[in-house]
PDB file of N, CA and C in Angstrom:
ATOM      1  N   MET A   1     -58.762-129.039 -82.517  1.00  0.00           N
ATOM      2  CA  MET A   1     -59.912-128.938 -81.623  1.00  0.00           C
ATOM      3  C   MET A   1     -61.194-128.992 -82.447  1.00  0.00           C
ATOM      4  N   ARG A   2     -62.146-129.759 -81.970  1.00  0.00           N
ATOM      5  CA  ARG A   2     -63.410-129.922 -82.674  1.00  0.00           C
ATOM      6  C   ARG A   2     -64.274-128.681 -82.526  1.00  0.00           C
ATOM      7  N   MET A   3     -64.907-128.298 -83.627  1.00  0.00           N
ATOM      8  CA  MET A   3     -65.832-127.170 -83.598  1.00  0.00           C
ATOM      9  C   MET A   3     -67.041-127.534 -82.749  1.00  0.00           C
ATOM     10  N   LYS A   4     -67.494-126.598 -81.933  1.00  0.00           N
ATOM     11  CA  LYS A   4     -68.672-126.840 -81.133  1.00  0.00           C
ATOM     12  C   LYS A   4     -69.910-126.826 -82.023  1.00  0.00           C
ATOM     13  N   HIS A   5     -70.649-127.919 -81.961  1.00  0.00           N
ATOM     14  CA  HIS A   5     -71.902-127.982 -82.715  1.00  0.00           C
ATOM     15  C   HIS A   5     -73.012-127.334 -81.905  1.00  0.00           C
ATOM     16  N   ARG A   6     -73.975-126.777 -82.618  1.00  0.00           N
ATOM     17  CA  ARG A   6     -75.119-126.147 -81.970  1.00  0.00           C
ATOM     18  C   ARG A   6     -76.311-127.091 -82.048  1.00  0.00           C
ATOM     19  N   ILE A   7     -76.849-127.410 -80.876  1.00  0.00           N
ATOM     20  CA  ILE A   7     -77.904-128.411 -80.760  1.00  0.00           C
ATOM     21  C   ILE A   7     -79.147-127.773 -80.154  1.00  0.00           C
ATOM     22  N   ALA A   8     -80.316-128.068 -80.742  1.00  0.00           N
ATOM     23  CA  ALA A   8     -81.594-127.664 -80.154  1.00  0.00           C
ATOM     24  C   ALA A   8     -82.163-128.892 -79.443  1.00  0.00           C
ATOM     25  N   VAL A   9     -82.541-128.709 -78.183  1.00  0.00           N
ATOM     26  CA  VAL A   9     -83.091-129.810 -77.388  1.00  0.00           C
ATOM     27  C   VAL A   9     -84.447-129.388 -76.835  1.00  0.00           C
ATOM     28  N   GLU A  10     -85.417-130.271 -77.007  1.00  0.00           N
ATOM     29  CA  GLU A  10     -86.761-129.980 -76.512  1.00  0.00           C
ATOM     30  C   GLU A  10     -86.726-129.732 -75.004  1.00  0.00           C
ATOM     31  N   ASN A  11     -87.537-128.777 -74.559  1.00  0.00           N
ATOM     32  CA  ASN A  11     -87.572-128.367 -73.143  1.00  0.00           C
ATOM     33  C   ASN A  11     -87.681-129.533 -72.171  1.00  0.00           C
ATOM     34  N   SER A  12     -88.455-130.540 -72.486  1.00  0.00           N
ATOM     35  CA  SER A  12     -88.707-131.649 -71.554  1.00  0.00           C
ATOM     36  C   SER A  12     -87.502-132.578 -71.394  1.00  0.00           C
ATOM     37  N   LEU A  13     -86.466-132.389 -72.185  1.00  0.00           N
ATOM     38  CA  LEU A  13     -85.312-133.291 -72.185  1.00  0.00           C
ATOM     39  C   LEU A  13     -84.123-132.697 -71.422  1.00  0.00           C
ATOM     40  N   THR A  14     -84.391-132.176 -70.246  1.00  0.00           N
ATOM     41  CA  THR A  14     -83.357-131.501 -69.449  1.00  0.00           C
ATOM     42  C   THR A  14     -82.111-132.364 -69.194  1.00  0.00           C
ATOM     43  N   PRO A  15     -82.255-133.636 -68.808  1.00  0.00           N
ATOM     44  CA  PRO A  15     -81.039-134.440 -68.574  1.00  0.00           C
ATOM     45  C   PRO A  15     -80.158-134.557 -69.825  1.00  0.00           C
ATOM     46  N   ILE A  16     -80.786-134.673 -70.982  1.00  0.00           N
ATOM     47  CA  ILE A  16     -80.022-134.768 -72.241  1.00  0.00           C
ATOM     48  C   ILE A  16     -79.350-133.438 -72.524  1.00  0.00           C
ATOM     49  N   ARG A  17     -80.065-132.349 -72.311  1.00  0.00           N
ATOM     50  CA  ARG A  17     -79.481-131.008 -72.522  1.00  0.00           C
ATOM     51  C   ARG A  17     -78.251-130.806 -71.649  1.00  0.00           C
ATOM     52  N   ASP A  18     -78.388-131.157 -70.376  1.00  0.00           N
ATOM     53  CA  ASP A  18     -77.270-130.979 -69.442  1.00  0.00           C
ATOM     54  C   ASP A  18     -76.074-131.844 -69.823  1.00  0.00           C
ATOM     55  N   PHE A  19     -76.334-133.093 -70.199  1.00  0.00           N
ATOM     56  CA  PHE A  19     -75.265-134.016 -70.588  1.00  0.00           C
ATOM     57  C   PHE A  19     -74.523-133.517 -71.815  1.00  0.00           C
ATOM     58  N   LEU A  20     -75.248-133.081 -72.831  1.00  0.00           N
ATOM     59  CA  LEU A  20     -74.624-132.595 -74.060  1.00  0.00           C
ATOM     60  C   LEU A  20     -73.831-131.322 -73.807  1.00  0.00           C
ATOM     61  N   SER A  21     -74.342-130.484 -72.935  1.00  0.00           N
ATOM     62  CA  SER A  21     -73.625-129.260 -72.578  1.00  0.00           C
ATOM     63  C   SER A  21     -72.298-129.605 -71.891  1.00  0.00           C
ATOM     64  N   GLU A  22     -72.323-130.600 -70.998  1.00  0.00           N
ATOM     65  CA  GLU A  22     -71.094-131.042 -70.340  1.00  0.00           C
ATOM     66  C   GLU A  22     -70.080-131.626 -71.319  1.00  0.00           C
ATOM     67  N   LYS A  23     -70.578-132.179 -72.432  1.00  0.00           N
ATOM     68  CA  LYS A  23     -69.709-132.754 -73.460  1.00  0.00           C
ATOM     69  C   LYS A  23     -69.165-131.693 -74.416  1.00  0.00           C
ATOM     70  N   GLY A  24     -69.543-130.427 -74.198  1.00  0.00           N
ATOM     71  CA  GLY A  24     -68.967-129.359 -74.989  1.00  0.00           C
ATOM     72  C   GLY A  24     -69.833-128.829 -76.125  1.00  0.00           C
ATOM     73  N   TYR A  25     -71.060-129.309 -76.237  1.00  0.00           N
ATOM     74  CA  TYR A  25     -71.949-128.794 -77.278  1.00  0.00           C
ATOM     75  C   TYR A  25     -72.574-127.480 -76.836  1.00  0.00           C
ATOM     76  N   ASN A  26     -72.882-126.612 -77.798  1.00  0.00           N
ATOM     77  CA  ASN A  26     -73.703-125.416 -77.531  1.00  0.00           C
ATOM     78  C   ASN A  26     -75.153-125.896 -77.619  1.00  0.00           C
ATOM     79  N   VAL A  27     -75.845-125.863 -76.515  1.00  0.00           N
ATOM     80  CA  VAL A  27     -77.194-126.417 -76.438  1.00  0.00           C
ATOM     81  C   VAL A  27     -78.200-125.335 -76.112  1.00  0.00           C
ATOM     82  N   ASP A  28     -79.285-125.296 -76.904  1.00  0.00           N
ATOM     83  CA  ASP A  28     -80.385-124.375 -76.643  1.00  0.00           C
ATOM     84  C   ASP A  28     -81.631-125.167 -76.315  1.00  0.00           C
ATOM     85  N   ASN A  29     -82.381-124.708 -75.299  1.00  0.00           N
ATOM     86  CA  ASN A  29     -83.697-125.263 -75.010  1.00  0.00           C
ATOM     87  C   ASN A  29     -84.670-124.705 -76.026  1.00  0.00           C
ATOM     88  N   ILE A  30     -85.485-125.557 -76.582  1.00  0.00           N
ATOM     89  CA  ILE A  30     -86.470-125.096 -77.558  1.00  0.00           C
ATOM     90  C   ILE A  30     -87.840-125.565 -77.122  1.00  0.00           C
ATOM     91  N   ASP A  31     -88.801-124.668 -77.172  1.00  0.00           N
ATOM     92  CA  ASP A  31     -90.194-125.010 -76.897  1.00  0.00           C
ATOM     93  C   ASP A  31     -90.842-125.329 -78.229  1.00  0.00           C
ATOM     94  N   PHE A  32     -90.975-126.613 -78.511  1.00  0.00           N
ATOM     95  CA  PHE A  32     -91.476-127.011 -79.826  1.00  0.00           C
ATOM     96  C   PHE A  32     -92.973-126.833 -79.973  1.00  0.00           C
ATOM     97  N   SER A  33     -93.652-126.338 -78.949  1.00  0.00           N
ATOM     98  CA  SER A  33     -95.080-126.052 -79.124  1.00  0.00           C
ATOM     99  C   SER A  33     -95.257-124.723 -79.864  1.00  0.00           C
ATOM    100  N   LYS A  34     -94.157-123.995 -80.022  1.00  0.00           N
ATOM    101  CA  LYS A  34     -94.182-122.746 -80.784  1.00  0.00           C
ATOM    102  C   LYS A  34     -93.614-122.997 -82.174  1.00  0.00           C
ATOM    103  N   GLU A  35     -93.693-122.009 -83.026  1.00  0.00           N
ATOM    104  CA  GLU A  35     -93.201-122.122 -84.402  1.00  0.00           C
ATOM    105  C   GLU A  35     -91.694-121.862 -84.440  1.00  0.00           C
ATOM    106  N   TYR A  36     -90.920-122.903 -84.747  1.00  0.00           N
ATOM    107  CA  TYR A  36     -89.466-122.735 -84.794  1.00  0.00           C
ATOM    108  C   TYR A  36     -88.868-123.119 -86.142  1.00  0.00           C
ATOM    109  N   SER A  37     -89.669-123.524 -87.080  1.00  0.00           N
ATOM    110  CA  SER A  37     -89.108-124.056 -88.313  1.00  0.00           C
ATOM    111  C   SER A  37     -88.277-123.022 -89.083  1.00  0.00           C
ATOM    112  N   LYS A  38     -88.570-121.758 -88.925  1.00  0.00           N
ATOM    113  CA  LYS A  38     -87.805-120.734 -89.657  1.00  0.00           C
ATOM    114  C   LYS A  38     -86.388-120.583 -89.117  1.00  0.00           C
ATOM    115  N   GLY A  39     -86.164-120.857 -87.833  1.00  0.00           N
ATOM    116  CA  GLY A  39     -84.848-120.678 -87.238  1.00  0.00           C
ATOM    117  C   GLY A  39     -84.042-121.966 -87.114  1.00  0.00           C
ATOM    118  N   MET A  40     -84.565-123.059 -87.635  1.00  0.00           N
ATOM    119  CA  MET A  40     -83.917-124.349 -87.461  1.00  0.00           C
ATOM    120  C   MET A  40     -82.607-124.484 -88.222  1.00  0.00           C
ATOM    121  N   ASP A  41     -82.390-123.664 -89.217  1.00  0.00           N
ATOM    122  CA  ASP A  41     -81.185-123.779 -90.033  1.00  0.00           C
ATOM    123  C   ASP A  41     -79.909-123.400 -89.281  1.00  0.00           C
ATOM    124  N   LYS A  42     -80.031-122.814 -88.093  1.00  0.00           N
ATOM    125  CA  LYS A  42     -78.832-122.461 -87.331  1.00  0.00           C
ATOM    126  C   LYS A  42     -78.331-123.625 -86.456  1.00  0.00           C
ATOM    127  N   TYR A  43     -79.056-124.732 -86.436  1.00  0.00           N
ATOM    128  CA  TYR A  43     -78.680-125.875 -85.612  1.00  0.00           C
ATOM    129  C   TYR A  43     -78.070-126.986 -86.438  1.00  0.00           C
ATOM    130  N   ASP A  44     -77.099-127.673 -85.829  1.00  0.00           N
ATOM    131  CA  ASP A  44     -76.491-128.848 -86.463  1.00  0.00           C
ATOM    132  C   ASP A  44     -77.310-130.103 -86.182  1.00  0.00           C
ATOM    133  N   ALA A  45     -78.041-130.099 -85.068  1.00  0.00           N
ATOM    134  CA  ALA A  45     -78.878-131.236 -84.712  1.00  0.00           C
ATOM    135  C   ALA A  45     -80.034-130.771 -83.844  1.00  0.00           C
ATOM    136  N   VAL A  46     -81.101-131.563 -83.863  1.00  0.00           N
ATOM    137  CA  VAL A  46     -82.295-131.296 -83.090  1.00  0.00           C
ATOM    138  C   VAL A  46     -82.661-132.583 -82.357  1.00  0.00           C
ATOM    139  N   VAL A  47     -82.864-132.488 -81.038  1.00  0.00           N
ATOM    140  CA  VAL A  47     -83.257-133.642 -80.246  1.00  0.00           C
ATOM    141  C   VAL A  47     -84.682-133.410 -79.760  1.00  0.00           C
ATOM    142  N   VAL A  48     -85.581-134.345 -80.138  1.00  0.00           N
ATOM    143  CA  VAL A  48     -87.002-134.215 -79.807  1.00  0.00           C
ATOM    144  C   VAL A  48     -87.507-135.507 -79.199  1.00  0.00           C
ATOM    145  N   THR A  49     -88.716-135.451 -78.646  1.00  0.00           N
ATOM    146  CA  THR A  49     -89.415-136.675 -78.268  1.00  0.00           C
ATOM    147  C   THR A  49     -90.300-137.054 -79.443  1.00  0.00           C
ATOM    148  N   GLY A  50     -90.742-138.270 -79.467  1.00  0.00           N
ATOM    149  CA  GLY A  50     -91.539-138.759 -80.580  1.00  0.00           C
ATOM    150  C   GLY A  50     -92.763-137.925 -80.874  1.00  0.00           C
ATOM    151  N   LEU A  51     -93.343-137.338 -79.847  1.00  0.00           N
ATOM    152  CA  LEU A  51     -94.558-136.549 -80.035  1.00  0.00           C
ATOM    153  C   LEU A  51     -94.336-135.310 -80.876  1.00  0.00           C
ATOM    154  N   SER A  52     -93.190-134.656 -80.716  1.00  0.00           N
ATOM    155  CA  SER A  52     -92.989-133.401 -81.433  1.00  0.00           C
ATOM    156  C   SER A  52     -92.394-133.535 -82.810  1.00  0.00           C
ATOM    157  N   GLU A  53     -91.819-134.675 -83.110  1.00  0.00           N
ATOM    158  CA  GLU A  53     -91.090-134.827 -84.363  1.00  0.00           C
ATOM    159  C   GLU A  53     -91.968-134.504 -85.575  1.00  0.00           C
ATOM    160  N   ASN A  54     -93.133-135.132 -85.659  1.00  0.00           N
ATOM    161  CA  ASN A  54     -93.997-134.875 -86.812  1.00  0.00           C
ATOM    162  C   ASN A  54     -94.868-133.639 -86.597  1.00  0.00           C
ATOM    163  N   PHE A  55     -95.197-133.342 -85.365  1.00  0.00           N
ATOM    164  CA  PHE A  55     -96.008-132.169 -85.066  1.00  0.00           C
ATOM    165  C   PHE A  55     -95.338-130.907 -85.608  1.00  0.00           C
ATOM    166  N   LEU A  56     -94.037-130.834 -85.403  1.00  0.00           N
ATOM    167  CA  LEU A  56     -93.276-129.668 -85.864  1.00  0.00           C
ATOM    168  C   LEU A  56     -93.070-129.628 -87.348  1.00  0.00           C
ATOM    169  N   GLY A  57     -93.050-130.780 -87.963  1.00  0.00           N
ATOM    170  CA  GLY A  57     -92.667-130.845 -89.345  1.00  0.00           C
ATOM    171  C   GLY A  57     -91.183-130.607 -89.498  1.00  0.00           C
ATOM    172  N   VAL A  58     -90.402-130.944 -88.471  1.00  0.00           N
ATOM    173  CA  VAL A  58     -88.964-130.705 -88.484  1.00  0.00           C
ATOM    174  C   VAL A  58     -88.331-131.324 -89.711  1.00  0.00           C
ATOM    175  N   GLU A  59     -88.776-132.523 -90.063  1.00  0.00           N
ATOM    176  CA  GLU A  59     -88.159-133.211 -91.178  1.00  0.00           C
ATOM    177  C   GLU A  59     -88.482-132.558 -92.518  1.00  0.00           C
ATOM    178  N   ASP A  60     -89.486-131.701 -92.526  1.00  0.00           N
ATOM    179  CA  ASP A  60     -89.871-131.043 -93.775  1.00  0.00           C
ATOM    180  C   ASP A  60     -89.223-129.675 -93.936  1.00  0.00           C
ATOM    181  N   THR A  61     -88.542-129.202 -92.908  1.00  0.00           N
ATOM    182  CA  THR A  61     -87.939-127.877 -92.996  1.00  0.00           C
ATOM    183  C   THR A  61     -86.671-127.908 -93.847  1.00  0.00           C
ATOM    184  N   ASN A  62     -86.285-126.769 -94.317  1.00  0.00           N
ATOM    185  CA  ASN A  62     -85.051-126.671 -95.088  1.00  0.00           C
ATOM    186  C   ASN A  62     -83.875-126.532 -94.134  1.00  0.00           C
ATOM    187  N   THR A  63     -83.441-127.638 -93.614  1.00  0.00           N
ATOM    188  CA  THR A  63     -82.347-127.634 -92.660  1.00  0.00           C
ATOM    189  C   THR A  63     -81.465-128.837 -92.884  1.00  0.00           C
ATOM    190  N   LYS A  64     -80.192-128.680 -92.577  1.00  0.00           N
ATOM    191  CA  LYS A  64     -79.271-129.795 -92.687  1.00  0.00           C
ATOM    192  C   LYS A  64     -79.125-130.510 -91.349  1.00  0.00           C
ATOM    193  N   ALA A  65     -79.890-130.079 -90.369  1.00  0.00           N
ATOM    194  CA  ALA A  65     -79.773-130.604 -89.011  1.00  0.00           C
ATOM    195  C   ALA A  65     -80.127-132.088 -88.942  1.00  0.00           C
ATOM    196  N   VAL A  66     -79.367-132.789 -88.121  1.00  0.00           N
ATOM    197  CA  VAL A  66     -79.656-134.173 -87.795  1.00  0.00           C
ATOM    198  C   VAL A  66     -80.815-134.151 -86.802  1.00  0.00           C
ATOM    199  N   VAL A  67     -81.872-134.937 -87.062  1.00  0.00           N
ATOM    200  CA  VAL A  67     -83.007-135.007 -86.148  1.00  0.00           C
ATOM    201  C   VAL A  67     -82.941-136.329 -85.394  1.00  0.00           C
ATOM    202  N   ILE A  68     -82.897-136.235 -84.061  1.00  0.00           N
ATOM    203  CA  ILE A  68     -82.800-137.437 -83.214  1.00  0.00           C
ATOM    204  C   ILE A  68     -84.062-137.508 -82.363  1.00  0.00           C
ATOM    205  N   ASP A  69     -84.793-138.624 -82.475  1.00  0.00           N
ATOM    206  CA  ASP A  69     -85.946-138.864 -81.636  1.00  0.00           C
ATOM    207  C   ASP A  69     -85.453-139.568 -80.376  1.00  0.00           C
ATOM    208  N   ALA A  70     -85.527-138.881 -79.240  1.00  0.00           N
ATOM    209  CA  ALA A  70     -84.977-139.389 -77.983  1.00  0.00           C
ATOM    210  C   ALA A  70     -85.919-140.354 -77.247  1.00  0.00           C
ATOM    211  N   LYS A  71     -87.120-140.551 -77.783  1.00  0.00           N
ATOM    212  CA  LYS A  71     -88.087-141.414 -77.095  1.00  0.00           C
ATOM    213  C   LYS A  71     -87.513-142.826 -76.927  1.00  0.00           C
ATOM    214  N   GLY A  72     -87.459-143.294 -75.691  1.00  0.00           N
ATOM    215  CA  GLY A  72     -86.979-144.640 -75.395  1.00  0.00           C
ATOM    216  C   GLY A  72     -85.473-144.783 -75.361  1.00  0.00           C
ATOM    217  N   LEU A  73     -84.739-143.702 -75.557  1.00  0.00           N
ATOM    218  CA  LEU A  73     -83.282-143.766 -75.555  1.00  0.00           C
ATOM    219  C   LEU A  73     -82.715-143.223 -74.251  1.00  0.00           C
ATOM    220  N   THR A  74     -81.577-143.761 -73.844  1.00  0.00           N
ATOM    221  CA  THR A  74     -80.889-143.193 -72.697  1.00  0.00           C
ATOM    222  C   THR A  74     -80.123-141.946 -73.149  1.00  0.00           C
ATOM    223  N   THR A  75     -79.668-141.165 -72.203  1.00  0.00           N
ATOM    224  CA  THR A  75     -78.868-139.993 -72.514  1.00  0.00           C
ATOM    225  C   THR A  75     -77.625-140.372 -73.308  1.00  0.00           C
ATOM    226  N   GLU A  76     -76.984-141.475 -72.926  1.00  0.00           N
ATOM    227  CA  GLU A  76     -75.776-141.932 -73.617  1.00  0.00           C
ATOM    228  C   GLU A  76     -76.076-142.377 -75.042  1.00  0.00           C
ATOM    229  N   GLN A  77     -77.240-142.995 -75.252  1.00  0.00           N
ATOM    230  CA  GLN A  77     -77.635-143.407 -76.604  1.00  0.00           C
ATOM    231  C   GLN A  77     -77.883-142.196 -77.503  1.00  0.00           C
ATOM    232  N   VAL A  78     -78.511-141.178 -76.964  1.00  0.00           N
ATOM    233  CA  VAL A  78     -78.724-139.947 -77.734  1.00  0.00           C
ATOM    234  C   VAL A  78     -77.379-139.338 -78.108  1.00  0.00           C
ATOM    235  N   TYR A  79     -76.463-139.307 -77.154  1.00  0.00           N
ATOM    236  CA  TYR A  79     -75.119-138.772 -77.384  1.00  0.00           C
ATOM    237  C   TYR A  79     -74.419-139.575 -78.491  1.00  0.00           C
ATOM    238  N   GLY A  80     -74.520-140.893 -78.434  1.00  0.00           N
ATOM    239  CA  GLY A  80     -73.909-141.746 -79.454  1.00  0.00           C
ATOM    240  C   GLY A  80     -74.464-141.475 -80.848  1.00  0.00           C
ATOM    241  N   ARG A  81     -75.774-141.334 -80.933  1.00  0.00           N
ATOM    242  CA  ARG A  81     -76.394-141.040 -82.233  1.00  0.00           C
ATOM    243  C   ARG A  81     -75.985-139.655 -82.733  1.00  0.00           C
ATOM    244  N   LEU A  82     -75.885-138.741 -81.818  1.00  0.00           N
ATOM    245  CA  LEU A  82     -75.469-137.388 -82.168  1.00  0.00           C
ATOM    246  C   LEU A  82     -74.036-137.388 -82.705  1.00  0.00           C
ATOM    247  N   GLU A  83     -73.155-138.068 -81.992  1.00  0.00           N
ATOM    248  CA  GLU A  83     -71.755-138.149 -82.425  1.00  0.00           C
ATOM    249  C   GLU A  83     -71.658-138.813 -83.796  1.00  0.00           C
ATOM    250  N   GLY A  84     -72.422-139.869 -84.009  1.00  0.00           N
ATOM    251  CA  GLY A  84     -72.413-140.574 -85.300  1.00  0.00           C
ATOM    252  C   GLY A  84     -72.988-139.742 -86.433  1.00  0.00           C
ATOM    253  N   GLY A  85     -74.012-138.970 -86.120  1.00  0.00           N
ATOM    254  CA  GLY A  85     -74.695-138.180 -87.138  1.00  0.00           C
ATOM    255  C   GLY A  85     -73.956-136.924 -87.525  1.00  0.00           C
ATOM    256  N   LEU A  86     -73.081-136.435 -86.675  1.00  0.00           N
ATOM    257  CA  LEU A  86     -72.384-135.174 -86.951  1.00  0.00           C
ATOM    258  C   LEU A  86     -70.987-135.378 -87.483  1.00  0.00           C
ATOM    259  N   GLN A  87     -70.629-136.597 -87.793  1.00  0.00           N
ATOM    260  CA  GLN A  87     -69.270-136.895 -88.306  1.00  0.00           C
ATOM    261  C   GLN A  87     -69.096-136.341 -89.700  1.00  0.00           C
TER     262      GLN A  87
END
């Protein structure tokens, strides 16, 4: 049985959050307008929109999390990238 990965999903991406939860991921809603960089190390992946990716400095944090920019992607495309990135 595959270990459940923990995913942080930006608040505005509700359909993606729901889809990933149905697929068996542990999904948390994250409000990226607040400071979250200190707690990012507990996530295996982070799903954001293009606007928050650089604003947060997610890529600069000390985390092994896969960062997926969902801008312009379907829910299934985000899922595919997530599956590929967490292998």
